[in-house]
Amino acid sequence: MCKWGTNTILNVLISAESSYTGKERWADKPVDSCIAPIVDALNKAGIYTGGSCCGHGKNDGWIALHDGTLITIKRNHFTKADRSCT
């Protein structure tokens, strides 16, 4: 996971419901750097995201989609020694 406060600015679609204009619009928003590639790929594929958090190494991460789906990004619960046993 990224160090909290480490963001990547992505241009994302703001839904009409979330926009102060009442209309869909694109805006540059900070996204946790460690999940920014996933958020960017989803948006470029037309699967628009409404918010996200990596969990900052303490909790599961998540990405909320405009359609109401919530994608959970599970924390890695294995120790470094456990990872060598695949």
Protein backbone atom coordinates (compact mmCIF):
# COMPACT_ATOMS: atom_id res chain seq x y z
CA MET A 1 0.00 0.00 0.00
CA CYS A 2 1.05 3.58 -0.55
CA LYS A 3 2.03 5.90 2.22
CA TRP A 4 -1.05 7.92 3.12
CA GLY A 5 -0.99 11.28 1.53
CA THR A 6 0.66 9.89 -1.61
CA ASN A 7 -1.84 10.68 -4.34
CA THR A 8 -2.02 10.58 -8.11
CA ILE A 9 -4.25 13.11 -9.83
CA LEU A 10 -6.71 11.42 -12.22
CA ASN A 11 -9.37 12.93 -14.45
CA VAL A 12 -12.58 11.18 -13.38
CA LEU A 13 -16.26 11.46 -14.23
CA ILE A 14 -18.31 13.12 -11.49
CA SER A 15 -21.90 11.84 -11.57
CA ALA A 16 -24.76 14.34 -11.81
CA GLU A 17 -25.87 13.31 -8.31
CA SER A 18 -22.43 14.14 -6.89
CA SER A 19 -21.77 17.26 -8.94
CA TYR A 20 -22.44 20.74 -7.64
CA THR A 21 -23.62 21.63 -11.15
CA GLY A 22 -26.27 18.89 -11.18
CA LYS A 23 -24.73 17.59 -14.42
CA GLU A 24 -22.08 14.99 -15.16
CA ARG A 25 -18.66 16.56 -15.53
CA TRP A 26 -15.00 15.57 -15.63
CA ALA A 27 -12.63 16.78 -12.91
CA ASP A 28 -9.09 16.13 -11.69
CA LYS A 29 -9.22 14.36 -8.33
CA PRO A 30 -6.57 12.88 -6.00
CA VAL A 31 -6.54 9.07 -5.79
CA ASP A 32 -4.33 6.95 -3.50
CA SER A 33 -1.29 6.23 -5.67
CA CYS A 34 -1.21 2.49 -5.02
CA ILE A 35 -4.71 1.97 -6.47
CA ALA A 36 -4.63 4.78 -9.04
CA PRO A 37 -3.71 2.39 -11.91
CA ILE A 38 -6.82 0.30 -11.15
CA VAL A 39 -9.09 3.35 -10.88
CA ASP A 40 -7.62 4.78 -14.09
CA ALA A 41 -8.10 1.51 -16.01
CA LEU A 42 -11.71 1.19 -14.85
CA ASN A 43 -12.53 4.75 -15.90
CA LYS A 44 -10.80 4.37 -19.28
CA ALA A 45 -12.86 1.20 -19.85
CA GLY A 46 -16.07 3.16 -19.22
CA ILE A 47 -16.57 1.68 -15.73
CA TYR A 48 -16.82 4.95 -13.84
CA THR A 49 -15.67 5.27 -10.25
CA GLY A 50 -17.26 7.45 -7.61
CA GLY A 51 -14.67 7.23 -4.85
CA SER A 52 -11.90 5.02 -3.52
CA CYS A 53 -9.50 4.37 -0.66
CA CYS A 54 -6.55 1.98 -0.46
CA GLY A 55 -7.08 1.33 3.26
CA HIS A 56 -3.66 2.80 4.08
CA GLY A 57 -2.32 -0.55 5.27
CA LYS A 58 -4.84 -0.72 8.11
CA ASN A 59 -8.10 -1.72 6.41
CA ASP A 60 -9.32 -3.28 3.19
CA GLY A 61 -9.33 -0.86 0.30
CA TRP A 62 -12.37 -0.14 -1.83
CA ILE A 63 -13.47 1.41 -5.10
CA ALA A 64 -17.08 2.59 -5.46
CA LEU A 65 -18.57 2.52 -8.96
CA HIS A 66 -21.26 4.81 -10.33
CA ASP A 67 -23.63 1.84 -10.68
CA GLY A 68 -23.54 1.20 -6.92
CA THR A 69 -21.06 -1.69 -7.02
CA LEU A 70 -18.38 -1.66 -4.33
CA ILE A 71 -15.10 -3.38 -5.18
CA THR A 72 -13.18 -4.51 -2.10
CA ILE A 73 -9.39 -4.69 -2.24
CA LYS A 74 -8.36 -7.19 0.42
CA ARG A 75 -5.32 -6.44 2.54
CA ASN A 76 -2.45 -8.89 2.23
CA HIS A 77 -2.60 -10.83 5.50
CA PHE A 78 0.48 -12.97 4.83
CA THR A 79 3.89 -12.29 6.28
CA LYS A 80 6.94 -11.99 4.05
CA ALA A 81 7.95 -15.57 4.95
CA ASP A 82 4.50 -16.88 3.99
CA ARG A 83 4.76 -15.31 0.51
CA SER A 84 7.65 -17.59 -0.41
CA CYS A 85 5.35 -20.63 -0.10
CA THR A 86 3.19 -20.45 -3.22
